[in-house]
Amino acid sequence: MHRTGICDSPRPNLLRDIFPYSEVPRIKLGHPQLPLTPAREMFITDSTFREGRQAGGPLLPDEALGLFDLLRSLSGPEGVIRDTEFFLYTERDRRLVDLCRSRGHDYPRITGWIRASEKDLRLVVEAGLSETGILTSVSDYHIYLKLGSTRKAIADRYLRVIRKALDKGIVPRCGFEDITRADVYGFCIPFAAELMRLREQSGIDLKIRLSDTLGLGLTYPGASLPRGVPALVRAFIQDAGVPGHLLEWHGHNDFHQALTNSATAWLYGCHGASGTLGGLGERTGNASIEALLVERAALKDLVPAERPA
């Protein structure tokens, strides 16, 4: 298992060679090709009430209830659509949470979504939610330019909030924002390994969301890190020790690969795939829940009953 600590020195050549500012991002091949290892259980998570909201205006109560009931219907008796996430920042947001919760549906479970701050965490506690997404940006673009911090300092900040969530019995779902532009072994893997150590200590199953924020993921055989979806998924499972059932792919559709990348994540051992109804989301949107359900049904026979997690 990869156990080296976080490297606090950015790797400018990595970013400049793959992501030149004035040109189309480069596709790099050369990673060893990996065998298919389909997830034993392929499930879906929903972000219609969070990511989908970023594509349009606020939802009226009847609209929110209609969408929530639709998700329950699409989820079926197996609860294929496990969770849905909500903003908690405004009184309107919190009323929608209470309204949907009053339906009493087993699936999808209602979870929150917050930034990595103690102030935001209090909103989760006040809402009485048992799980929340926590935005944990991982690319140098976000850490150094957007957040004005360093790798080690930002990791410490994330961990403080995550520990407080665990202390309150709340399951953190850590969103590795902009992972397909990140230094995978310089930051992401050691940070994920630290999260797994917290899991061992707390007995709470922390979750990791692989967030392809700009839709740069690639499915080509041998696609290199940080863009290769097979390479990313296997790195987290093999080198950070993250069980596949605690991994989730969250893909954007900027380069029209959201569905394909999500299905590929399933095929290499990531159990969860995040989407939205109609594919609504920031900019060009996300993977469509409807399309994910069809793709999952088509892939289901690939999974032997005895396949390990």
C-alpha atoms as a PDB file:
ATOM      1  CA  MET A   1       0.000   0.000   0.000  1.00  0.00           C
ATOM      2  CA  HIS A   2       1.275   3.459  -0.864  1.00  0.00           C
ATOM      3  CA  ARG A   3       2.083   5.181   2.461  1.00  0.00           C
ATOM      4  CA  THR A   4       4.197   8.204   1.615  1.00  0.00           C
ATOM      5  CA  GLY A   5       2.995  11.515   2.994  1.00  0.00           C
ATOM      6  CA  ILE A   6       1.578  14.510   1.167  1.00  0.00           C
ATOM      7  CA  CYS A   7       4.124  16.262  -1.026  1.00  0.00           C
ATOM      8  CA  ASP A   8       3.745  20.000  -0.460  1.00  0.00           C
ATOM      9  CA  SER A   9       5.608  21.011  -3.608  1.00  0.00           C
ATOM     10  CA  PRO A  10       3.424  21.479  -6.706  1.00  0.00           C
ATOM     11  CA  ARG A  11       4.543  19.751  -9.878  1.00  0.00           C
ATOM     12  CA  PRO A  12       4.267  22.504 -12.509  1.00  0.00           C
ATOM     13  CA  ASN A  13       5.517  20.288 -15.329  1.00  0.00           C
ATOM     14  CA  LEU A  14       2.666  17.842 -14.719  1.00  0.00           C
ATOM     15  CA  LEU A  15       0.125  20.601 -15.143  1.00  0.00           C
ATOM     16  CA  ARG A  16       1.876  22.447 -17.954  1.00  0.00           C
ATOM     17  CA  ASP A  17       2.470  19.311 -20.050  1.00  0.00           C
ATOM     18  CA  ILE A  18      -1.087  17.975 -19.771  1.00  0.00           C
ATOM     19  CA  PHE A  19      -3.121  21.148 -19.293  1.00  0.00           C
ATOM     20  CA  PRO A  20      -1.636  24.016 -21.337  1.00  0.00           C
ATOM     21  CA  TYR A  21      -3.742  27.117 -20.747  1.00  0.00           C
ATOM     22  CA  SER A  22      -4.066  28.088 -24.403  1.00  0.00           C
ATOM     23  CA  GLU A  23      -4.635  24.656 -25.968  1.00  0.00           C
ATOM     24  CA  VAL A  24      -6.827  21.586 -25.679  1.00  0.00           C
ATOM     25  CA  PRO A  25      -5.775  19.346 -22.723  1.00  0.00           C
ATOM     26  CA  ARG A  26      -3.350  16.630 -23.763  1.00  0.00           C
ATOM     27  CA  ILE A  27      -4.150  12.916 -23.756  1.00  0.00           C
ATOM     28  CA  LYS A  28      -1.265  10.895 -22.343  1.00  0.00           C
ATOM     29  CA  LEU A  29      -1.049   7.114 -22.694  1.00  0.00           C
ATOM     30  CA  GLY A  30       1.452   4.745 -21.161  1.00  0.00           C
ATOM     31  CA  HIS A  31      -0.134   3.531 -17.945  1.00  0.00           C
ATOM     32  CA  PRO A  32      -0.100  -0.296 -17.706  1.00  0.00           C
ATOM     33  CA  GLN A  33      -3.364  -1.674 -18.996  1.00  0.00           C
ATOM     34  CA  LEU A  34      -5.511  -3.054 -16.205  1.00  0.00           C
ATOM     35  CA  PRO A  35      -7.844  -6.058 -16.216  1.00  0.00           C
ATOM     36  CA  LEU A  36     -11.554  -5.451 -15.799  1.00  0.00           C
ATOM     37  CA  THR A  37     -12.692  -5.954 -12.205  1.00  0.00           C
ATOM     38  CA  PRO A  38     -16.414  -5.066 -12.220  1.00  0.00           C
ATOM     39  CA  ALA A  39     -17.845  -3.821  -8.943  1.00  0.00           C
ATOM     40  CA  ARG A  40     -19.704  -6.528  -7.071  1.00  0.00           C
ATOM     41  CA  GLU A  41     -22.579  -4.088  -6.539  1.00  0.00           C
ATOM     42  CA  MET A  42     -23.193  -1.185  -8.903  1.00  0.00           C
ATOM     43  CA  PHE A  43     -25.301   1.511  -7.300  1.00  0.00           C
ATOM     44  CA  ILE A  44     -26.269   5.096  -8.131  1.00  0.00           C
ATOM     45  CA  THR A  45     -26.309   8.253  -6.058  1.00  0.00           C
ATOM     46  CA  ASP A  46     -28.279  11.364  -6.928  1.00  0.00           C
ATOM     47  CA  SER A  47     -27.309  15.039  -6.949  1.00  0.00           C
ATOM     48  CA  THR A  48     -30.422  16.541  -8.523  1.00  0.00           C
ATOM     49  CA  PHE A  49     -31.133  18.723  -5.482  1.00  0.00           C
ATOM     50  CA  ARG A  50     -27.537  19.979  -5.299  1.00  0.00           C
ATOM     51  CA  GLU A  51     -25.723  19.738  -8.625  1.00  0.00           C
ATOM     52  CA  GLY A  52     -28.973  19.978 -10.579  1.00  0.00           C
ATOM     53  CA  ARG A  53     -29.905  23.113  -8.681  1.00  0.00           C
ATOM     54  CA  GLN A  54     -26.739  24.771  -9.999  1.00  0.00           C
ATOM     55  CA  ALA A  55     -28.177  24.488 -13.501  1.00  0.00           C
ATOM     56  CA  GLY A  56     -31.318  26.455 -12.740  1.00  0.00           C
ATOM     57  CA  GLY A  57     -33.406  28.309 -10.220  1.00  0.00           C
ATOM     58  CA  PRO A  58     -34.808  27.174  -6.879  1.00  0.00           C
ATOM     59  CA  LEU A  59     -37.379  24.397  -6.770  1.00  0.00           C
ATOM     60  CA  LEU A  60     -40.928  24.922  -5.616  1.00  0.00           C
ATOM     61  CA  PRO A  61     -42.087  22.497  -2.894  1.00  0.00           C
ATOM     62  CA  ASP A  62     -44.359  20.535  -5.245  1.00  0.00           C
ATOM     63  CA  GLU A  63     -41.571  20.283  -7.817  1.00  0.00           C
ATOM     64  CA  ALA A  64     -39.109  18.972  -5.241  1.00  0.00           C
ATOM     65  CA  LEU A  65     -41.592  16.394  -3.966  1.00  0.00           C
ATOM     66  CA  GLY A  66     -42.348  15.245  -7.507  1.00  0.00           C
ATOM     67  CA  LEU A  67     -38.655  14.739  -8.263  1.00  0.00           C
ATOM     68  CA  PHE A  68     -38.039  12.985  -4.961  1.00  0.00           C
ATOM     69  CA  ASP A  69     -40.948  10.604  -5.554  1.00  0.00           C
ATOM     70  CA  LEU A  70     -39.648   9.942  -9.069  1.00  0.00           C
ATOM     71  CA  LEU A  71     -36.225   9.022  -7.673  1.00  0.00           C
ATOM     72  CA  ARG A  72     -37.910   6.607  -5.262  1.00  0.00           C
ATOM     73  CA  SER A  73     -39.845   5.014  -8.109  1.00  0.00           C
ATOM     74  CA  LEU A  74     -36.753   4.693 -10.313  1.00  0.00           C
ATOM     75  CA  SER A  75     -34.770   3.268  -7.400  1.00  0.00           C
ATOM     76  CA  GLY A  76     -36.986   0.181  -7.335  1.00  0.00           C
ATOM     77  CA  PRO A  77     -37.294  -2.408  -4.559  1.00  0.00           C
ATOM     78  CA  GLU A  78     -33.508  -2.905  -4.366  1.00  0.00           C
ATOM     79  CA  GLY A  79     -32.829   0.757  -3.620  1.00  0.00           C
ATOM     80  CA  VAL A  80     -30.519   1.145  -6.618  1.00  0.00           C
ATOM     81  CA  ILE A  81     -30.460   4.932  -6.140  1.00  0.00           C
ATOM     82  CA  ARG A  82     -28.955   4.933  -2.659  1.00  0.00           C
ATOM     83  CA  ASP A  83     -28.687   8.582  -1.702  1.00  0.00           C
ATOM     84  CA  THR A  84     -29.580  12.080  -2.746  1.00  0.00           C
ATOM     85  CA  GLU A  85     -27.820  15.224  -1.534  1.00  0.00           C
ATOM     86  CA  PHE A  86     -29.217  18.628  -0.623  1.00  0.00           C
ATOM     87  CA  PHE A  87     -27.851  22.093  -0.048  1.00  0.00           C
ATOM     88  CA  LEU A  88     -28.476  23.287   3.513  1.00  0.00           C
ATOM     89  CA  TYR A  89     -27.544  26.974   3.275  1.00  0.00           C
ATOM     90  CA  THR A  90     -30.916  28.705   3.094  1.00  0.00           C
ATOM     91  CA  GLU A  91     -34.207  28.334   4.917  1.00  0.00           C
ATOM     92  CA  ARG A  92     -35.742  27.228   1.608  1.00  0.00           C
ATOM     93  CA  ASP A  93     -33.109  24.470   1.282  1.00  0.00           C
ATOM     94  CA  ARG A  94     -33.820  23.190   4.775  1.00  0.00           C
ATOM     95  CA  ARG A  95     -37.576  23.246   4.236  1.00  0.00           C
ATOM     96  CA  LEU A  96     -37.143  21.061   1.140  1.00  0.00           C
ATOM     97  CA  VAL A  97     -35.117  18.578   3.188  1.00  0.00           C
ATOM     98  CA  ASP A  98     -37.868  18.364   5.801  1.00  0.00           C
ATOM     99  CA  LEU A  99     -40.557  18.116   3.148  1.00  0.00           C
ATOM    100  CA  CYS A 100     -38.868  15.248   1.295  1.00  0.00           C
ATOM    101  CA  ARG A 101     -37.964  13.504   4.538  1.00  0.00           C
ATOM    102  CA  SER A 102     -41.649  13.556   5.516  1.00  0.00           C
ATOM    103  CA  ARG A 103     -42.313  11.123   2.645  1.00  0.00           C
ATOM    104  CA  GLY A 104     -40.664   8.373   4.708  1.00  0.00           C
ATOM    105  CA  HIS A 105     -38.962   6.705   1.721  1.00  0.00           C
ATOM    106  CA  ASP A 106     -36.204   4.201   2.487  1.00  0.00           C
ATOM    107  CA  TYR A 107     -34.431   5.202  -0.742  1.00  0.00           C
ATOM    108  CA  PRO A 108     -32.915   7.468  -1.730  1.00  0.00           C
ATOM    109  CA  ARG A 109     -31.587   8.431   1.701  1.00  0.00           C
ATOM    110  CA  ILE A 110     -31.348  12.183   2.274  1.00  0.00           C
ATOM    111  CA  THR A 111     -27.833  13.521   2.831  1.00  0.00           C
ATOM    112  CA  GLY A 112     -26.273  16.968   2.951  1.00  0.00           C
ATOM    113  CA  TRP A 113     -23.542  18.759   1.034  1.00  0.00           C
ATOM    114  CA  ILE A 114     -21.237  21.313   2.643  1.00  0.00           C
ATOM    115  CA  ARG A 115     -17.877  23.002   2.328  1.00  0.00           C
ATOM    116  CA  ALA A 116     -15.089  21.888   4.660  1.00  0.00           C
ATOM    117  CA  SER A 117     -15.897  24.270   7.490  1.00  0.00           C
ATOM    118  CA  GLU A 118     -17.125  23.832  11.040  1.00  0.00           C
ATOM    119  CA  LYS A 119     -19.812  26.437  10.399  1.00  0.00           C
ATOM    120  CA  ASP A 120     -21.226  24.360   7.548  1.00  0.00           C
ATOM    121  CA  LEU A 121     -20.986  21.173   9.610  1.00  0.00           C
ATOM    122  CA  ARG A 122     -23.299  22.725  12.183  1.00  0.00           C
ATOM    123  CA  LEU A 123     -25.977  22.908   9.474  1.00  0.00           C
ATOM    124  CA  VAL A 124     -25.770  19.127   9.055  1.00  0.00           C
ATOM    125  CA  VAL A 125     -26.102  18.589  12.792  1.00  0.00           C
ATOM    126  CA  GLU A 126     -29.070  20.968  13.027  1.00  0.00           C
ATOM    127  CA  ALA A 127     -30.758  19.203  10.097  1.00  0.00           C
ATOM    128  CA  GLY A 128     -30.372  15.849  11.874  1.00  0.00           C
ATOM    129  CA  LEU A 129     -28.668  14.180   8.903  1.00  0.00           C
ATOM    130  CA  SER A 130     -26.479  11.108   9.346  1.00  0.00           C
ATOM    131  CA  GLU A 131     -24.316  11.690   6.253  1.00  0.00           C
ATOM    132  CA  THR A 132     -22.994  14.663   4.328  1.00  0.00           C
ATOM    133  CA  GLY A 133     -20.828  15.381   1.353  1.00  0.00           C
ATOM    134  CA  ILE A 134     -17.822  17.531   2.245  1.00  0.00           C
ATOM    135  CA  LEU A 135     -16.053  19.470  -0.508  1.00  0.00           C
ATOM    136  CA  THR A 136     -12.365  18.533  -0.357  1.00  0.00           C
ATOM    137  CA  SER A 137     -10.715  20.026  -3.452  1.00  0.00           C
ATOM    138  CA  VAL A 138      -7.557  18.176  -4.476  1.00  0.00           C
ATOM    139  CA  SER A 139      -6.029  19.778  -7.568  1.00  0.00           C
ATOM    140  CA  ASP A 140      -3.260  22.366  -7.283  1.00  0.00           C
ATOM    141  CA  TYR A 141      -5.456  24.724  -9.302  1.00  0.00           C
ATOM    142  CA  HIS A 142      -7.986  24.660  -6.480  1.00  0.00           C
ATOM    143  CA  ILE A 143      -5.611  24.378  -3.518  1.00  0.00           C
ATOM    144  CA  TYR A 144      -3.158  27.119  -4.498  1.00  0.00           C
ATOM    145  CA  LEU A 145      -5.201  29.399  -6.749  1.00  0.00           C
ATOM    146  CA  LYS A 146      -8.815  29.095  -5.604  1.00  0.00           C
ATOM    147  CA  LEU A 147      -8.246  28.460  -1.887  1.00  0.00           C
ATOM    148  CA  GLY A 148      -4.938  30.311  -1.560  1.00  0.00           C
ATOM    149  CA  SER A 149      -3.422  27.584   0.594  1.00  0.00           C
ATOM    150  CA  THR A 150      -0.879  24.752   0.427  1.00  0.00           C
ATOM    151  CA  ARG A 151      -1.367  21.027   0.201  1.00  0.00           C
ATOM    152  CA  LYS A 152      -0.432  20.273   3.809  1.00  0.00           C
ATOM    153  CA  ALA A 153      -2.378  23.202   5.239  1.00  0.00           C
ATOM    154  CA  ILE A 154      -5.518  22.388   3.283  1.00  0.00           C
ATOM    155  CA  ALA A 155      -5.307  18.688   4.182  1.00  0.00           C
ATOM    156  CA  ASP A 156      -5.102  19.645   7.854  1.00  0.00           C
ATOM    157  CA  ARG A 157      -8.140  21.901   7.428  1.00  0.00           C
ATOM    158  CA  TYR A 158     -10.136  19.132   5.753  1.00  0.00           C
ATOM    159  CA  LEU A 159      -9.151  16.600   8.410  1.00  0.00           C
ATOM    160  CA  ARG A 160     -10.241  18.877  11.262  1.00  0.00           C
ATOM    161  CA  VAL A 161     -13.761  19.081   9.862  1.00  0.00           C
ATOM    162  CA  ILE A 162     -13.869  15.375   8.987  1.00  0.00           C
ATOM    163  CA  ARG A 163     -12.794  14.391  12.513  1.00  0.00           C
ATOM    164  CA  LYS A 164     -15.496  16.613  13.996  1.00  0.00           C
ATOM    165  CA  ALA A 165     -18.085  14.972  11.733  1.00  0.00           C
ATOM    166  CA  LEU A 166     -16.922  11.532  12.871  1.00  0.00           C
ATOM    167  CA  ASP A 167     -17.058  12.624  16.508  1.00  0.00           C
ATOM    168  CA  LYS A 168     -20.726  13.471  15.971  1.00  0.00           C
ATOM    169  CA  GLY A 169     -21.411  10.125  14.289  1.00  0.00           C
ATOM    170  CA  ILE A 170     -21.875  11.719  10.848  1.00  0.00           C
ATOM    171  CA  VAL A 171     -20.600   9.829   7.797  1.00  0.00           C
ATOM    172  CA  PRO A 172     -18.378  12.121   5.685  1.00  0.00           C
ATOM    173  CA  ARG A 173     -18.492  11.690   1.906  1.00  0.00           C
ATOM    174  CA  CYS A 174     -15.312  13.459   0.848  1.00  0.00           C
ATOM    175  CA  GLY A 175     -15.559  14.970  -2.628  1.00  0.00           C
ATOM    176  CA  PHE A 176     -12.097  14.969  -4.248  1.00  0.00           C
ATOM    177  CA  GLU A 177     -12.941  17.947  -6.444  1.00  0.00           C
ATOM    178  CA  ASP A 178     -11.036  18.332  -9.735  1.00  0.00           C
ATOM    179  CA  ILE A 179      -9.326  14.974  -9.343  1.00  0.00           C
ATOM    180  CA  THR A 180      -8.585  14.600 -13.053  1.00  0.00           C
ATOM    181  CA  ARG A 181      -6.193  17.588 -12.802  1.00  0.00           C
ATOM    182  CA  ALA A 182      -4.647  16.580  -9.466  1.00  0.00           C
ATOM    183  CA  ASP A 183      -1.295  15.158  -8.398  1.00  0.00           C
ATOM    184  CA  VAL A 184      -2.617  11.697  -7.592  1.00  0.00           C
ATOM    185  CA  TYR A 185       0.378  10.250  -5.727  1.00  0.00           C
ATOM    186  CA  GLY A 186       1.612  13.585  -4.404  1.00  0.00           C
ATOM    187  CA  PHE A 187      -1.679  14.467  -2.682  1.00  0.00           C
ATOM    188  CA  CYS A 188      -4.747  12.329  -3.376  1.00  0.00           C
ATOM    189  CA  ILE A 189      -3.500   8.866  -2.415  1.00  0.00           C
ATOM    190  CA  PRO A 190      -1.777   9.843   0.845  1.00  0.00           C
ATOM    191  CA  PHE A 191      -4.801  11.948   1.820  1.00  0.00           C
ATOM    192  CA  ALA A 192      -7.150   9.043   1.046  1.00  0.00           C
ATOM    193  CA  ALA A 193      -4.922   6.693   3.044  1.00  0.00           C
ATOM    194  CA  GLU A 194      -5.234   9.059   6.023  1.00  0.00           C
ATOM    195  CA  LEU A 195      -9.022   8.961   5.645  1.00  0.00           C
ATOM    196  CA  MET A 196      -8.881   5.170   5.742  1.00  0.00           C
ATOM    197  CA  ARG A 197      -6.884   5.346   8.972  1.00  0.00           C
ATOM    198  CA  LEU A 198      -9.630   7.547  10.429  1.00  0.00           C
ATOM    199  CA  ARG A 199     -12.124   4.936   9.285  1.00  0.00           C
ATOM    200  CA  GLU A 200     -10.251   2.263  11.205  1.00  0.00           C
ATOM    201  CA  GLN A 201     -10.068   4.424  14.330  1.00  0.00           C
ATOM    202  CA  SER A 202     -13.696   5.573  14.289  1.00  0.00           C
ATOM    203  CA  GLY A 203     -15.430   2.480  12.957  1.00  0.00           C
ATOM    204  CA  ILE A 204     -17.363   4.750  10.563  1.00  0.00           C
ATOM    205  CA  ASP A 205     -17.234   4.083   6.828  1.00  0.00           C
ATOM    206  CA  LEU A 206     -15.920   7.310   5.336  1.00  0.00           C
ATOM    207  CA  LYS A 207     -16.697   7.586   1.638  1.00  0.00           C
ATOM    208  CA  ILE A 208     -14.644   9.088  -1.170  1.00  0.00           C
ATOM    209  CA  ARG A 209     -16.157  10.706  -4.243  1.00  0.00           C
ATOM    210  CA  LEU A 210     -13.887  10.890  -7.278  1.00  0.00           C
ATOM    211  CA  SER A 211     -15.113  14.163  -8.755  1.00  0.00           C
ATOM    212  CA  ASP A 212     -14.243  14.692 -12.410  1.00  0.00           C
ATOM    213  CA  THR A 213     -15.136  18.368 -12.129  1.00  0.00           C
ATOM    214  CA  LEU A 214     -14.221  19.389 -15.684  1.00  0.00           C
ATOM    215  CA  GLY A 215     -15.162  16.117 -17.375  1.00  0.00           C
ATOM    216  CA  LEU A 216     -11.553  15.322 -18.296  1.00  0.00           C
ATOM    217  CA  GLY A 217     -11.681  11.604 -17.466  1.00  0.00           C
ATOM    218  CA  LEU A 218     -10.572   9.142 -20.154  1.00  0.00           C
ATOM    219  CA  THR A 219     -11.456   5.510 -20.774  1.00  0.00           C
ATOM    220  CA  TYR A 220      -8.783   4.744 -23.401  1.00  0.00           C
ATOM    221  CA  PRO A 221      -6.627   1.677 -22.656  1.00  0.00           C
ATOM    222  CA  GLY A 222      -3.432   2.873 -20.975  1.00  0.00           C
ATOM    223  CA  ALA A 223      -4.737   6.398 -20.275  1.00  0.00           C
ATOM    224  CA  SER A 224      -2.335   7.936 -17.771  1.00  0.00           C
ATOM    225  CA  LEU A 225      -2.991   9.618 -14.462  1.00  0.00           C
ATOM    226  CA  PRO A 226      -4.600  11.888 -13.540  1.00  0.00           C
ATOM    227  CA  ARG A 227      -7.109  11.516 -16.382  1.00  0.00           C
ATOM    228  CA  GLY A 228      -7.320   7.735 -16.810  1.00  0.00           C
ATOM    229  CA  VAL A 229     -10.468   6.454 -15.087  1.00  0.00           C
ATOM    230  CA  PRO A 230      -9.250   2.838 -14.713  1.00  0.00           C
ATOM    231  CA  ALA A 231      -5.917   4.044 -13.325  1.00  0.00           C
ATOM    232  CA  LEU A 232      -7.604   6.392 -10.850  1.00  0.00           C
ATOM    233  CA  VAL A 233     -10.047   3.820  -9.503  1.00  0.00           C
ATOM    234  CA  ARG A 234      -7.413   1.108  -9.086  1.00  0.00           C
ATOM    235  CA  ALA A 235      -4.973   3.539  -7.424  1.00  0.00           C
ATOM    236  CA  PHE A 236      -7.500   4.321  -4.699  1.00  0.00           C
ATOM    237  CA  ILE A 237      -8.396   0.672  -4.160  1.00  0.00           C
ATOM    238  CA  GLN A 238      -4.908  -0.797  -4.318  1.00  0.00           C
ATOM    239  CA  ASP A 239      -2.655   1.987  -3.045  1.00  0.00           C
ATOM    240  CA  ALA A 240      -4.895   3.920  -0.641  1.00  0.00           C
ATOM    241  CA  GLY A 241      -6.771   0.886   0.651  1.00  0.00           C
ATOM    242  CA  VAL A 242     -10.238   2.252  -0.140  1.00  0.00           C
ATOM    243  CA  PRO A 243     -12.813  -0.556  -0.480  1.00  0.00           C
ATOM    244  CA  GLY A 244     -14.744  -0.316  -3.726  1.00  0.00           C
ATOM    245  CA  HIS A 245     -18.081   0.060  -1.921  1.00  0.00           C
ATOM    246  CA  LEU A 246     -16.814   3.318  -0.381  1.00  0.00           C
ATOM    247  CA  LEU A 247     -15.832   4.816  -3.750  1.00  0.00           C
ATOM    248  CA  GLU A 248     -18.128   6.869  -5.960  1.00  0.00           C
ATOM    249  CA  TRP A 249     -17.523   8.451  -9.380  1.00  0.00           C
ATOM    250  CA  HIS A 250     -19.010  11.906  -9.993  1.00  0.00           C
ATOM    251  CA  GLY A 251     -18.594  12.866 -13.629  1.00  0.00           C
ATOM    252  CA  HIS A 252     -19.275  16.093 -15.484  1.00  0.00           C
ATOM    253  CA  ASN A 253     -20.106  16.171 -19.167  1.00  0.00           C
ATOM    254  CA  ASP A 254     -17.893  18.978 -20.509  1.00  0.00           C
ATOM    255  CA  PHE A 255     -16.251  16.605 -23.001  1.00  0.00           C
ATOM    256  CA  HIS A 256     -19.315  14.361 -23.441  1.00  0.00           C
ATOM    257  CA  GLN A 257     -17.889  11.442 -21.443  1.00  0.00           C
ATOM    258  CA  ALA A 258     -19.915  11.567 -18.196  1.00  0.00           C
ATOM    259  CA  LEU A 259     -21.868   8.357 -18.807  1.00  0.00           C
ATOM    260  CA  THR A 260     -18.962   6.433 -20.319  1.00  0.00           C
ATOM    261  CA  ASN A 261     -16.614   7.426 -17.517  1.00  0.00           C
ATOM    262  CA  SER A 262     -19.172   6.445 -14.876  1.00  0.00           C
ATOM    263  CA  ALA A 263     -19.686   3.011 -16.411  1.00  0.00           C
ATOM    264  CA  THR A 264     -15.925   2.544 -16.711  1.00  0.00           C
ATOM    265  CA  ALA A 265     -15.525   3.356 -13.009  1.00  0.00           C
ATOM    266  CA  TRP A 266     -18.022   0.563 -12.281  1.00  0.00           C
ATOM    267  CA  LEU A 267     -16.054  -1.828 -14.501  1.00  0.00           C
ATOM    268  CA  TYR A 268     -12.819  -1.212 -12.589  1.00  0.00           C
ATOM    269  CA  GLY A 269     -14.235  -1.669  -9.095  1.00  0.00           C
ATOM    270  CA  CYS A 270     -15.864   1.619  -8.051  1.00  0.00           C
ATOM    271  CA  HIS A 271     -19.325   0.676  -6.744  1.00  0.00           C
ATOM    272  CA  GLY A 272     -21.005   4.095  -6.842  1.00  0.00           C
ATOM    273  CA  ALA A 273     -21.846   6.383  -9.749  1.00  0.00           C
ATOM    274  CA  SER A 274     -23.334   9.822  -9.189  1.00  0.00           C
ATOM    275  CA  GLY A 275     -25.800  11.483 -11.536  1.00  0.00           C
ATOM    276  CA  THR A 276     -28.788  13.794 -11.813  1.00  0.00           C
ATOM    277  CA  LEU A 277     -32.240  13.502 -13.317  1.00  0.00           C
ATOM    278  CA  GLY A 278     -32.001  14.510 -16.958  1.00  0.00           C
ATOM    279  CA  GLY A 279     -28.258  15.024 -16.549  1.00  0.00           C
ATOM    280  CA  LEU A 280     -28.860  18.554 -15.251  1.00  0.00           C
ATOM    281  CA  GLY A 281     -25.874  20.168 -13.612  1.00  0.00           C
ATOM    282  CA  GLU A 282     -23.287  22.882 -13.632  1.00  0.00           C
ATOM    283  CA  ARG A 283     -22.203  23.974 -17.144  1.00  0.00           C
ATOM    284  CA  THR A 284     -22.832  21.010 -19.481  1.00  0.00           C
ATOM    285  CA  GLY A 285     -24.301  18.821 -16.762  1.00  0.00           C
ATOM    286  CA  ASN A 286     -23.607  15.412 -15.285  1.00  0.00           C
ATOM    287  CA  ALA A 287     -24.336  11.787 -16.010  1.00  0.00           C
ATOM    288  CA  SER A 288     -28.050  11.206 -16.445  1.00  0.00           C
ATOM    289  CA  ILE A 289     -29.705   9.054 -13.771  1.00  0.00           C
ATOM    290  CA  GLU A 290     -31.934   7.559 -16.449  1.00  0.00           C
ATOM    291  CA  ALA A 291     -28.947   6.599 -18.614  1.00  0.00           C
ATOM    292  CA  LEU A 292     -27.046   5.207 -15.619  1.00  0.00           C
ATOM    293  CA  LEU A 293     -29.992   2.942 -14.790  1.00  0.00           C
ATOM    294  CA  VAL A 294     -30.050   1.565 -18.335  1.00  0.00           C
ATOM    295  CA  GLU A 295     -26.261   1.107 -18.396  1.00  0.00           C
ATOM    296  CA  ARG A 296     -26.333  -0.653 -15.041  1.00  0.00           C
ATOM    297  CA  ALA A 297     -29.027  -3.033 -16.257  1.00  0.00           C
ATOM    298  CA  ALA A 298     -26.949  -3.808 -19.345  1.00  0.00           C
ATOM    299  CA  LEU A 299     -23.799  -4.476 -17.290  1.00  0.00           C
ATOM    300  CA  LYS A 300     -25.429  -6.506 -14.537  1.00  0.00           C
ATOM    301  CA  ASP A 301     -24.653  -9.937 -16.030  1.00  0.00           C
ATOM    302  CA  LEU A 302     -20.915  -9.151 -16.053  1.00  0.00           C
ATOM    303  CA  VAL A 303     -20.712  -9.431 -12.267  1.00  0.00           C
ATOM    304  CA  PRO A 304     -20.149 -12.986 -10.944  1.00  0.00           C
ATOM    305  CA  ALA A 305     -21.908 -13.592  -7.647  1.00  0.00           C
ATOM    306  CA  GLU A 306     -18.644 -14.662  -6.005  1.00  0.00           C
ATOM    307  CA  ARG A 307     -16.572 -11.654  -7.129  1.00  0.00           C
ATOM    308  CA  PRO A 308     -14.739 -10.060  -4.172  1.00  0.00           C
ATOM    309  CA  ALA A 309     -15.266  -6.393  -3.225  1.00  0.00           C
END
